[in-house]
Amino acid sequence: MSAPHLEILADPEALARRVADWLVAAAVGSEGPFGVALSGGSTPRRLYELLSDPPYREVFPWARTHWFWGDERFVPHDSPNSNYRMVRDAMLARAPVPTGNIHPIPTEGLTPQEAALSYENELKGFYGAPTLKPDRPLFDVTFLGLGPEGHIASLFPGTAILSERLRWVGAVIGAKAEPRITLTYPALESSGAIAVLVTGAAKRPVLEKLLKRDPDLPAAHLHPVQGTLHLFMDRAAAPREAS
């Protein structure tokens, strides 16, 4: 893992507010379309809720921000297990987001492999080129969580997708109960800034391994091409040496 900028916040609420301030500052300070890749899971939900409430709602540049997903379970969008549904309920349905700026991963009416190809084509359309360029990131900001196995998005240990360097999106089948569609390392690493959000004492062991660059953790192999890597953690998750 590239050396991250570490920030330790008091608790999940303080972390969510700090990250909301950070994201709004980045978005407001940008020009043109602003692309964000979102993380699922419980940790970022409070962040999404804050963004759709005052004072963030009034200052965020919703009209030029485009929302993508780092990974998705291959379930209908109305499923309680859908990352899209979580973000929709927490933020997108509560904020003035243009419909055309929402880019969920397709999960119905096609196979996981077809869904991955379809989403890759959508990303290429947004990017405006078929090949990622080192000096022009795909996303302005990418949010990631840290799983107990050290996975990011749906890049799980021991899966073939970890070695993918050409495709931007792939299907992961067999690692979990349902197939997953995930961005690959090249797509995740093509970001102006990557923010990994980690909360709770249960995440401390894997976070300790990550900060020691344990090569068995998929997160340890994340190397932003040009952007910065931020690791936001609450005090409960923070290893003793970090705090």
Protein backbone atom coordinates (compact mmCIF):
# COMPACT_ATOMS: atom_id res chain seq x y z
CA MET A 1 0.00 0.00 0.00
CA SER A 2 1.19 3.49 -0.77
CA ALA A 3 1.93 5.49 2.38
CA PRO A 4 -1.42 6.91 3.53
CA HIS A 5 -2.25 10.16 5.25
CA LEU A 6 -3.62 9.03 8.62
CA GLU A 7 -6.39 10.81 10.52
CA ILE A 8 -7.81 9.52 13.79
CA LEU A 9 -11.21 10.82 14.86
CA ALA A 10 -12.93 10.39 18.21
CA ASP A 11 -15.82 8.22 17.04
CA PRO A 12 -17.87 7.29 13.93
CA GLU A 13 -19.88 10.51 14.07
CA ALA A 14 -16.77 12.68 14.21
CA LEU A 15 -15.28 10.66 11.36
CA ALA A 16 -18.38 11.09 9.19
CA ARG A 17 -18.38 14.86 9.74
CA ARG A 18 -14.68 15.20 9.07
CA VAL A 19 -14.96 13.25 5.83
CA ALA A 20 -18.05 15.23 4.79
CA ASP A 21 -16.08 18.46 5.27
CA TRP A 22 -13.17 16.98 3.30
CA LEU A 23 -15.34 15.83 0.40
CA VAL A 24 -17.29 19.08 0.15
CA ALA A 25 -14.06 21.08 0.10
CA ALA A 26 -12.68 18.89 -2.69
CA ALA A 27 -15.87 19.10 -4.73
CA VAL A 28 -16.39 22.83 -4.32
CA GLY A 29 -12.75 23.49 -5.17
CA SER A 30 -12.95 21.50 -8.41
CA GLU A 31 -14.04 22.54 -11.89
CA GLY A 32 -16.18 20.60 -14.35
CA PRO A 33 -17.65 17.14 -13.72
CA PHE A 34 -16.71 15.66 -10.33
CA GLY A 35 -16.66 11.86 -10.18
CA VAL A 36 -17.06 9.91 -6.95
CA ALA A 37 -16.83 6.14 -6.48
CA LEU A 38 -18.86 5.09 -3.46
CA SER A 39 -18.36 2.35 -0.90
CA GLY A 40 -21.09 0.17 0.53
CA GLY A 41 -21.30 -1.22 4.04
CA SER A 42 -22.39 0.39 7.28
CA THR A 43 -19.41 2.69 7.91
CA PRO A 44 -20.06 5.32 5.18
CA ARG A 45 -23.84 5.48 5.63
CA ARG A 46 -23.67 8.32 8.15
CA LEU A 47 -21.44 10.27 5.76
CA TYR A 48 -24.05 9.94 3.02
CA GLU A 49 -26.81 11.06 5.37
CA LEU A 50 -24.84 14.13 6.40
CA LEU A 51 -24.22 15.16 2.80
CA SER A 52 -27.95 15.22 2.10
CA ASP A 53 -28.72 17.41 5.14
CA PRO A 54 -27.93 21.06 5.87
CA PRO A 55 -25.41 22.62 5.82
CA TYR A 56 -23.70 20.26 3.33
CA ARG A 57 -26.75 19.91 1.11
CA GLU A 58 -26.82 23.64 0.35
CA VAL A 59 -23.17 23.97 -0.70
CA PHE A 60 -22.40 20.68 -2.42
CA PRO A 61 -22.21 20.90 -6.25
CA TRP A 62 -24.84 18.22 -6.93
CA ALA A 63 -25.48 19.28 -10.53
CA ARG A 64 -21.97 18.42 -11.72
CA THR A 65 -21.17 15.46 -9.43
CA HIS A 66 -21.45 11.93 -10.79
CA TRP A 67 -21.86 8.97 -8.46
CA PHE A 68 -20.46 5.50 -9.16
CA TRP A 69 -20.02 2.35 -7.07
CA GLY A 70 -16.81 0.52 -6.25
CA ASP A 71 -18.60 -2.79 -6.00
CA GLU A 72 -22.05 -4.32 -5.78
CA ARG A 73 -23.68 -7.56 -4.75
CA PHE A 74 -25.42 -9.19 -7.70
CA VAL A 75 -28.90 -8.68 -6.22
CA PRO A 76 -31.85 -6.51 -7.32
CA HIS A 77 -31.47 -2.82 -6.55
CA ASP A 78 -34.38 -2.99 -4.11
CA SER A 79 -32.72 -5.76 -2.09
CA PRO A 80 -31.71 -4.90 1.49
CA ASN A 81 -28.25 -6.21 0.54
CA SER A 82 -27.81 -3.77 -2.36
CA ASN A 83 -25.10 -1.12 -1.98
CA TYR A 84 -27.04 1.02 -4.43
CA ARG A 85 -30.17 0.86 -2.27
CA MET A 86 -28.23 1.85 0.85
CA VAL A 87 -26.79 4.95 -0.84
CA ARG A 88 -30.14 5.78 -2.44
CA ASP A 89 -31.96 5.67 0.88
CA ALA A 90 -29.23 7.51 2.80
CA MET A 91 -28.42 10.25 0.28
CA LEU A 92 -29.52 10.13 -3.34
CA ALA A 93 -33.26 10.16 -2.67
CA ARG A 94 -32.85 13.01 -0.17
CA ALA A 95 -30.62 15.37 -2.16
CA PRO A 96 -31.05 17.29 -5.44
CA VAL A 97 -29.13 14.75 -7.52
CA PRO A 98 -29.88 14.73 -11.28
CA THR A 99 -30.98 11.26 -12.36
CA GLY A 100 -28.39 11.21 -15.13
CA ASN A 101 -25.62 11.67 -12.58
CA ILE A 102 -26.37 8.36 -10.82
CA HIS A 103 -24.52 5.37 -12.25
CA PRO A 104 -25.45 2.15 -10.41
CA ILE A 105 -23.93 -1.17 -11.36
CA PRO A 106 -26.53 -3.16 -13.35
CA THR A 107 -27.65 -6.35 -11.61
CA GLU A 108 -30.82 -7.48 -13.37
CA GLY A 109 -31.54 -9.00 -16.78
CA LEU A 110 -27.97 -10.01 -17.53
CA THR A 111 -25.21 -12.30 -16.27
CA PRO A 112 -22.54 -11.11 -13.80
CA GLN A 113 -19.98 -11.10 -16.61
CA GLU A 114 -22.30 -9.04 -18.83
CA ALA A 115 -22.94 -6.66 -15.94
CA ALA A 116 -19.21 -6.13 -15.45
CA LEU A 117 -18.70 -5.40 -19.14
CA SER A 118 -21.69 -3.05 -19.21
CA TYR A 119 -20.39 -1.07 -16.25
CA GLU A 120 -16.90 -0.91 -17.70
CA ASN A 121 -18.36 0.58 -20.88
CA GLU A 122 -20.27 3.14 -18.80
CA LEU A 123 -17.09 4.13 -17.00
CA LYS A 124 -15.28 4.48 -20.32
CA GLY A 125 -18.08 6.67 -21.63
CA PHE A 126 -17.78 8.95 -18.59
CA TYR A 127 -13.99 8.99 -18.87
CA GLY A 128 -14.09 9.66 -22.59
CA ALA A 129 -11.35 7.20 -23.53
CA PRO A 130 -10.88 3.40 -23.67
CA THR A 131 -7.58 3.46 -21.78
CA LEU A 132 -6.75 5.01 -18.42
CA LYS A 133 -4.07 7.68 -18.57
CA PRO A 134 -1.68 8.19 -15.62
CA ASP A 135 -2.10 11.97 -15.70
CA ARG A 136 -5.91 11.96 -15.85
CA PRO A 137 -7.76 10.06 -13.11
CA LEU A 138 -11.06 8.32 -13.70
CA PHE A 139 -12.49 9.54 -10.40
CA ASP A 140 -11.86 12.63 -8.33
CA VAL A 141 -12.55 10.73 -5.10
CA THR A 142 -12.88 7.02 -4.36
CA PHE A 143 -14.28 5.77 -1.06
CA LEU A 144 -13.36 2.33 0.25
CA GLY A 145 -14.03 0.29 3.34
CA LEU A 146 -11.72 -2.30 4.86
CA GLY A 147 -13.13 -5.78 5.26
CA PRO A 148 -12.10 -8.20 8.02
CA GLU A 149 -10.12 -10.19 5.45
CA GLY A 150 -8.31 -7.04 4.35
CA HIS A 151 -10.41 -6.74 1.21
CA ILE A 152 -11.39 -3.50 -0.50
CA ALA A 153 -14.43 -3.26 -2.79
CA SER A 154 -14.93 -6.96 -3.68
CA LEU A 155 -11.25 -7.73 -4.14
CA PHE A 156 -11.12 -10.73 -1.81
CA PRO A 157 -8.00 -12.74 -0.89
CA GLY A 158 -7.26 -15.64 -3.19
CA THR A 159 -9.50 -14.50 -6.07
CA ALA A 160 -8.40 -14.23 -9.69
CA ILE A 161 -9.59 -10.62 -9.93
CA LEU A 162 -6.56 -9.54 -7.85
CA SER A 163 -4.27 -10.08 -10.83
CA GLU A 164 -6.49 -8.28 -13.36
CA ARG A 165 -4.70 -5.31 -14.86
CA LEU A 166 -6.54 -4.71 -18.14
CA ARG A 167 -10.24 -4.78 -17.27
CA TRP A 168 -11.71 -1.94 -15.25
CA VAL A 169 -14.57 -4.03 -13.85
CA GLY A 170 -14.90 -7.74 -13.16
CA ALA A 171 -17.24 -10.37 -11.75
CA VAL A 172 -16.26 -12.26 -8.60
CA ILE A 173 -18.05 -15.58 -8.24
CA GLY A 174 -17.66 -18.06 -5.42
CA ALA A 175 -15.97 -15.82 -2.87
CA LYS A 176 -19.28 -14.98 -1.16
CA ALA A 177 -22.83 -16.32 -1.22
CA GLU A 178 -23.81 -14.07 -4.11
CA PRO A 179 -21.70 -12.96 -7.10
CA ARG A 180 -20.10 -9.55 -6.84
CA ILE A 181 -19.31 -6.94 -9.45
CA THR A 182 -16.24 -4.93 -8.56
CA LEU A 183 -13.88 -2.32 -9.87
CA THR A 184 -10.38 -3.71 -10.35
CA TYR A 185 -7.15 -2.26 -9.02
CA PRO A 186 -6.52 -0.15 -12.18
CA ALA A 187 -9.91 1.58 -11.88
CA LEU A 188 -9.70 2.08 -8.11
CA GLU A 189 -6.17 3.42 -8.35
CA SER A 190 -7.13 5.96 -11.03
CA SER A 191 -8.41 8.54 -8.57
CA GLY A 192 -7.38 12.00 -7.49
CA ALA A 193 -7.86 10.91 -3.88
CA ILE A 194 -8.73 7.60 -2.23
CA ALA A 195 -10.32 7.60 1.22
CA VAL A 196 -10.46 4.40 3.26
CA LEU A 197 -12.93 4.67 6.16
CA VAL A 198 -12.47 2.34 9.14
CA THR A 199 -14.43 2.32 12.40
CA GLY A 200 -14.85 0.03 15.39
CA ALA A 201 -12.58 -2.09 17.59
CA ALA A 202 -13.32 -5.18 15.47
CA LYS A 203 -11.32 -3.62 12.63
CA ARG A 204 -8.22 -2.93 14.71
CA PRO A 205 -6.48 -6.29 14.01
CA VAL A 206 -6.77 -6.02 10.24
CA LEU A 207 -5.86 -2.34 10.33
CA GLU A 208 -2.71 -3.18 12.26
CA LYS A 209 -1.79 -5.71 9.56
CA LEU A 210 -2.52 -3.19 6.82
CA LEU A 211 -0.29 -0.52 8.34
CA LYS A 212 2.48 -3.13 8.48
CA ARG A 213 1.82 -3.79 4.77
CA ASP A 214 0.91 -7.44 5.22
CA PRO A 215 1.12 -8.79 1.64
CA ASP A 216 -1.74 -11.21 2.24
CA LEU A 217 -4.21 -8.32 2.42
CA PRO A 218 -5.68 -7.11 -0.88
CA ALA A 219 -5.76 -3.59 0.58
CA ALA A 220 -1.98 -3.69 0.98
CA HIS A 221 -1.61 -3.77 -2.82
CA LEU A 222 -3.49 -0.51 -3.45
CA HIS A 223 -1.19 2.00 -5.14
CA PRO A 224 -2.85 5.19 -6.44
CA VAL A 225 -1.32 6.10 -9.78
CA GLN A 226 -1.04 9.78 -9.01
CA GLY A 227 -3.54 10.62 -6.28
CA THR A 228 -3.31 10.69 -2.50
CA LEU A 229 -4.37 7.91 -0.14
CA HIS A 230 -6.21 8.90 3.04
CA LEU A 231 -6.95 6.56 5.91
CA PHE A 232 -9.68 7.91 8.18
CA MET A 233 -10.18 5.86 11.35
CA ASP A 234 -11.95 6.28 14.64
CA ARG A 235 -10.12 5.85 17.94
CA ALA A 236 -11.63 2.41 18.55
CA ALA A 237 -10.12 1.07 15.31
CA ALA A 238 -6.79 2.85 15.54
CA PRO A 239 -3.77 0.65 16.34
CA ARG A 240 -1.85 1.80 19.42
CA GLU A 241 1.19 2.81 17.38
CA ALA A 242 -0.99 4.98 15.11
CA SER A 243 -2.74 6.75 17.98
